[in-house]
Amino acid sequence: MSKIIDNDSENSESSYGFPSAGKIENDWRRWGFLEVFLGLVFGHILAAFAYVLAKGIGGYEDFAEYPLWLVSVANFPLQASMLLAAVLAASYRGGGVVKDFLFGVKRNDAFLGISVGVAAQFLLVPALTYPVLWLFDKDIEDVRKIAEELTDRSTSPVGVLALIVFVGIFTPISEELFFRGLLYGTLRKKLNLAPRNCIWVSAIIASAIFSIVHFQWILLPALFGVGLLFNILYERTGRLAPAIWAHAGFNGVTLINLLI
């Protein structure tokens, strides 16, 4: 699953690529669980404050009344907090974003990533969601209800633009840097396990947290599967860009369903 560097130069700041998985001594990447914790906690606190502030200023009685652009703006603090946590951690406690999170780019990254993201929407999500609906005696309308609520609030050009920028561009970058780069990277270098076991356990934990923080319980298994898929893509290619493109492609399908 992994491109692993097993030589003694893996911890030097001149090497690029995944270091060996498992606990590493004298690692140049000094960031870890503290930055993950701060990014998530402060992000959710700021997002909650933004929702309360928006409710007070706009006089909305319920979340369902929020216009779409306001939903995007209120979620911005969470995404920005995660993005800043990853960028600042790598910049001040590591070797920089490009080195620490393998932010290199290749020509075929966009095609590969978007293909994986679109395939995940049409194949992986239904495969992991329909058993949950059957198990809990739910209807597919329970899943569509989330999309319909957004669609009902996407009538203004401002709302549509906010949705495209936030969901289609900003979110894939911020979430991949945080969940795959910072969170998965922290687990991958902190867990005291054999390299291959460490990779899989780290990917599973990171994907579980990724799915939980979206607070969409019916889609929890699907989001876990998608997160795991993005982790595998990151690990196999040795670059974060394909995972970002995959996330963008995945969200792009959602946007098309919402806006057409």
Protein backbone atom coordinates (compact mmCIF):
# COMPACT_ATOMS: atom_id res chain seq x y z
CA MET A 1 0.00 0.00 0.00
CA SER A 2 2.81 2.37 0.74
CA LYS A 3 5.89 3.87 -0.78
CA ILE A 4 8.10 3.63 2.26
CA ILE A 5 11.56 5.10 2.69
CA ASP A 6 13.58 2.81 4.94
CA ASN A 7 17.00 4.44 4.91
CA ASP A 8 18.70 6.52 7.57
CA SER A 9 18.13 9.76 5.68
CA GLU A 10 14.36 9.56 6.06
CA ASN A 11 14.31 12.02 8.96
CA SER A 12 16.47 14.66 7.33
CA GLU A 13 14.87 17.79 6.01
CA SER A 14 16.27 17.12 2.54
CA SER A 15 14.27 13.92 1.95
CA TYR A 16 10.86 13.99 0.32
CA GLY A 17 8.31 11.21 0.48
CA PHE A 18 6.65 9.16 3.20
CA PRO A 19 9.06 8.25 5.98
CA SER A 20 8.74 4.74 7.40
CA ALA A 21 5.45 4.28 9.18
CA GLY A 22 5.56 3.80 12.92
CA LYS A 23 7.13 5.69 15.80
CA ILE A 24 10.14 7.69 14.58
CA GLU A 25 12.82 9.12 16.80
CA ASN A 26 14.23 12.58 16.05
CA ASP A 27 11.53 13.27 13.45
CA TRP A 28 11.80 16.73 11.88
CA ARG A 29 7.98 16.94 11.92
CA ARG A 30 7.44 18.16 15.48
CA TRP A 31 3.71 18.68 15.01
CA GLY A 32 1.23 16.13 16.29
CA PHE A 33 -1.94 15.56 18.27
CA LEU A 34 -1.90 19.02 19.86
CA GLU A 35 -2.29 20.73 16.48
CA VAL A 36 -5.02 18.24 15.50
CA PHE A 37 -6.89 18.90 18.75
CA LEU A 38 -6.62 22.67 18.46
CA GLY A 39 -7.74 22.67 14.83
CA LEU A 40 -10.86 20.64 15.56
CA VAL A 41 -11.83 22.20 18.88
CA PHE A 42 -11.31 25.83 17.94
CA GLY A 43 -12.89 25.22 14.55
CA HIS A 44 -16.09 23.82 16.06
CA ILE A 45 -16.24 26.52 18.72
CA LEU A 46 -15.87 29.27 16.12
CA ALA A 47 -18.40 27.61 13.82
CA ALA A 48 -20.93 27.31 16.65
CA PHE A 49 -20.37 30.97 17.52
CA ALA A 50 -20.86 31.92 13.86
CA TYR A 51 -24.18 30.05 13.71
CA VAL A 52 -25.42 31.69 16.91
CA LEU A 53 -24.31 35.10 15.68
CA ALA A 54 -26.02 34.57 12.32
CA LYS A 55 -29.20 33.47 14.06
CA GLY A 56 -29.22 36.57 16.25
CA ILE A 57 -28.46 39.03 13.45
CA GLY A 58 -30.78 37.45 10.91
CA GLY A 59 -33.57 36.64 13.32
CA TYR A 60 -33.86 33.05 12.08
CA GLU A 61 -35.89 30.67 14.19
CA ASP A 62 -34.39 27.46 12.85
CA PHE A 63 -31.32 26.25 10.97
CA ALA A 64 -33.53 25.29 8.03
CA GLU A 65 -34.30 28.98 7.52
CA TYR A 66 -30.65 29.96 7.01
CA PRO A 67 -29.98 31.10 3.44
CA LEU A 68 -27.41 29.00 1.64
CA TRP A 69 -24.71 31.66 1.56
CA LEU A 70 -25.02 32.02 5.34
CA VAL A 71 -24.62 28.28 5.84
CA SER A 72 -21.37 28.43 3.87
CA VAL A 73 -20.12 31.49 5.74
CA ALA A 74 -20.97 29.95 9.12
CA ASN A 75 -19.03 26.79 8.24
CA PHE A 76 -16.03 28.79 7.09
CA PRO A 77 -14.45 29.14 10.57
CA LEU A 78 -14.27 25.35 10.95
CA GLN A 79 -12.64 24.81 7.57
CA ALA A 80 -10.32 27.79 8.05
CA SER A 81 -9.29 26.54 11.50
CA MET A 82 -8.38 23.12 10.14
CA LEU A 83 -6.51 24.65 7.22
CA LEU A 84 -4.56 27.00 9.48
CA ALA A 85 -3.76 24.20 11.93
CA ALA A 86 -2.18 22.14 9.14
CA VAL A 87 -0.37 25.02 7.45
CA LEU A 88 0.98 26.56 10.66
CA ALA A 89 2.01 23.17 12.04
CA ALA A 90 4.03 22.37 8.94
CA SER A 91 5.42 25.88 8.59
CA TYR A 92 6.57 26.40 12.18
CA ARG A 93 7.00 22.86 13.52
CA GLY A 94 8.00 20.96 10.42
CA GLY A 95 9.63 21.25 7.04
CA GLY A 96 6.80 23.14 5.32
CA VAL A 97 3.54 22.11 3.67
CA VAL A 98 5.11 20.71 0.51
CA LYS A 99 7.59 18.50 2.36
CA ASP A 100 5.50 17.44 5.36
CA PHE A 101 2.26 16.72 3.49
CA LEU A 102 3.75 15.68 0.12
CA PHE A 103 2.11 18.54 -1.70
CA GLY A 104 3.86 17.86 -5.00
CA VAL A 105 1.82 17.79 -8.20
CA LYS A 106 1.99 15.62 -11.32
CA ARG A 107 0.28 16.09 -14.66
CA ASN A 108 -2.23 13.26 -14.26
CA ASP A 109 -3.25 14.07 -10.66
CA ALA A 110 -6.43 15.89 -11.67
CA PHE A 111 -7.67 13.11 -13.97
CA LEU A 112 -6.79 10.38 -11.48
CA GLY A 113 -8.28 12.17 -8.48
CA ILE A 114 -11.51 13.33 -10.12
CA SER A 115 -12.06 9.86 -11.57
CA VAL A 116 -11.71 8.30 -8.13
CA GLY A 117 -13.97 10.91 -6.52
CA VAL A 118 -16.75 10.55 -9.09
CA ALA A 119 -16.55 6.75 -8.94
CA ALA A 120 -16.83 6.93 -5.15
CA GLN A 121 -20.06 8.92 -5.43
CA PHE A 122 -21.71 6.52 -7.86
CA LEU A 123 -20.36 3.21 -6.57
CA LEU A 124 -19.00 3.39 -3.03
CA VAL A 125 -21.63 5.66 -1.46
CA PRO A 126 -24.66 3.62 -2.61
CA ALA A 127 -22.93 0.35 -1.68
CA LEU A 128 -22.32 1.55 1.88
CA THR A 129 -25.52 3.55 2.37
CA TYR A 130 -28.29 1.21 1.19
CA PRO A 131 -27.44 -1.49 3.79
CA VAL A 132 -27.73 1.16 6.52
CA LEU A 133 -31.12 2.24 5.19
CA TRP A 134 -32.29 -1.37 5.15
CA LEU A 135 -30.87 -2.12 8.61
CA PHE A 136 -32.57 0.85 10.27
CA ASP A 137 -35.70 0.69 8.13
CA LYS A 138 -35.07 4.06 6.57
CA ASP A 139 -36.02 5.34 3.16
CA ILE A 140 -33.76 6.85 0.52
CA GLU A 141 -35.72 10.07 1.04
CA ASP A 142 -33.96 10.42 4.41
CA VAL A 143 -30.72 10.83 2.50
CA ARG A 144 -32.19 13.09 -0.14
CA LYS A 145 -33.71 15.33 2.53
CA ILE A 146 -30.28 16.80 3.32
CA ALA A 147 -29.74 17.73 -0.31
CA GLU A 148 -33.28 19.05 -0.69
CA GLU A 149 -32.83 21.39 2.26
CA LEU A 150 -29.80 22.90 0.59
CA THR A 151 -31.48 23.00 -2.80
CA ASP A 152 -34.42 24.94 -1.39
CA ARG A 153 -31.97 27.60 -0.19
CA SER A 154 -29.83 27.82 -3.34
CA THR A 155 -32.05 30.10 -5.37
CA SER A 156 -29.94 33.27 -5.16
CA PRO A 157 -26.76 33.74 -7.25
CA VAL A 158 -24.88 34.59 -4.05
CA GLY A 159 -25.94 31.30 -2.48
CA VAL A 160 -24.95 29.30 -5.55
CA LEU A 161 -21.56 31.01 -5.80
CA ALA A 162 -20.90 30.53 -2.09
CA LEU A 163 -21.76 26.85 -2.38
CA ILE A 164 -19.47 26.31 -5.38
CA VAL A 165 -16.50 28.13 -3.83
CA PHE A 166 -16.90 26.63 -0.38
CA VAL A 167 -17.88 23.04 -1.18
CA GLY A 168 -16.12 22.64 -4.51
CA ILE A 169 -12.81 24.39 -3.85
CA PHE A 170 -12.09 25.42 -0.27
CA THR A 171 -13.39 22.34 1.55
CA PRO A 172 -11.40 19.75 -0.45
CA ILE A 173 -8.17 21.65 0.19
CA SER A 174 -8.74 22.33 3.89
CA GLU A 175 -10.08 18.87 4.76
CA GLU A 176 -7.41 16.96 2.87
CA LEU A 177 -4.62 19.02 4.41
CA PHE A 178 -6.09 18.44 7.85
CA PHE A 179 -7.45 14.87 7.80
CA ARG A 180 -5.00 13.23 5.41
CA GLY A 181 -2.02 15.52 5.92
CA LEU A 182 -2.07 16.47 9.61
CA LEU A 183 -4.28 13.86 11.31
CA TYR A 184 -3.25 10.81 9.29
CA GLY A 185 0.34 12.04 9.25
CA THR A 186 0.34 12.35 13.04
CA LEU A 187 -1.08 8.86 13.57
CA ARG A 188 1.27 7.40 10.97
CA LYS A 189 4.36 8.70 12.75
CA LYS A 190 3.18 8.28 16.34
CA LEU A 191 1.67 4.78 16.54
CA ASN A 192 4.19 2.26 17.76
CA LEU A 193 3.25 -0.50 15.31
CA ALA A 194 4.86 -2.41 12.48
CA PRO A 195 4.93 -0.22 9.32
CA ARG A 196 2.12 -1.92 7.39
CA ASN A 197 -0.10 -2.26 10.45
CA CYS A 198 0.59 1.35 11.35
CA ILE A 199 -0.49 2.53 7.89
CA TRP A 200 -3.80 0.67 8.01
CA VAL A 201 -4.63 1.50 11.63
CA SER A 202 -3.79 5.17 11.05
CA ALA A 203 -5.93 5.28 7.91
CA ILE A 204 -8.88 3.64 9.69
CA ILE A 205 -8.72 5.99 12.69
CA ALA A 206 -8.32 9.10 10.50
CA SER A 207 -11.22 8.00 8.28
CA ALA A 208 -13.44 7.31 11.29
CA ILE A 209 -12.82 10.81 12.68
CA PHE A 210 -13.35 12.28 9.20
CA SER A 211 -16.77 10.61 8.97
CA ILE A 212 -17.86 11.45 12.52
CA VAL A 213 -17.17 15.20 12.35
CA HIS A 214 -19.50 15.54 9.35
CA PHE A 215 -22.47 14.72 11.64
CA GLN A 216 -24.41 12.90 8.90
CA TRP A 217 -25.25 9.67 10.66
CA ILE A 218 -27.01 7.86 7.82
CA LEU A 219 -23.99 8.54 5.62
CA LEU A 220 -21.46 7.61 8.32
CA PRO A 221 -20.32 4.31 6.71
CA ALA A 222 -20.17 5.94 3.27
CA LEU A 223 -18.11 8.86 4.54
CA PHE A 224 -15.81 6.45 6.35
CA GLY A 225 -15.32 4.49 3.14
CA VAL A 226 -14.67 7.66 1.16
CA GLY A 227 -12.15 8.87 3.74
CA LEU A 228 -10.37 5.51 3.66
CA LEU A 229 -10.30 5.62 -0.14
CA PHE A 230 -8.73 9.09 -0.09
CA ASN A 231 -6.17 7.83 2.43
CA ILE A 232 -5.25 4.93 0.18
CA LEU A 233 -4.93 7.28 -2.77
CA TYR A 234 -2.64 9.56 -0.74
CA GLU A 235 -0.50 6.67 0.44
CA ARG A 236 -0.25 4.92 -2.90
CA THR A 237 0.62 7.99 -4.96
CA GLY A 238 2.82 9.59 -2.31
CA ARG A 239 1.18 12.95 -3.00
CA LEU A 240 -1.72 14.84 -1.45
CA ALA A 241 -2.87 16.44 -4.72
CA PRO A 242 -4.71 13.34 -6.04
CA ALA A 243 -6.68 13.12 -2.78
CA ILE A 244 -7.61 16.81 -3.04
CA TRP A 245 -8.78 16.33 -6.63
CA ALA A 246 -10.72 13.21 -5.58
CA HIS A 247 -12.43 15.19 -2.83
CA ALA A 248 -13.23 17.96 -5.31
CA GLY A 249 -14.65 15.45 -7.79
CA PHE A 250 -16.71 13.82 -5.05
CA ASN A 251 -18.11 17.16 -3.90
CA GLY A 252 -18.58 18.25 -7.51
CA VAL A 253 -21.08 15.46 -8.10
CA THR A 254 -22.98 16.65 -5.02
CA LEU A 255 -22.98 20.22 -6.35
CA ILE A 256 -24.32 19.12 -9.72
CA ASN A 257 -27.12 17.17 -8.04
CA LEU A 258 -27.97 20.21 -5.94
CA LEU A 259 -27.92 22.84 -8.65
CA ILE A 260 -29.36 21.09 -11.69
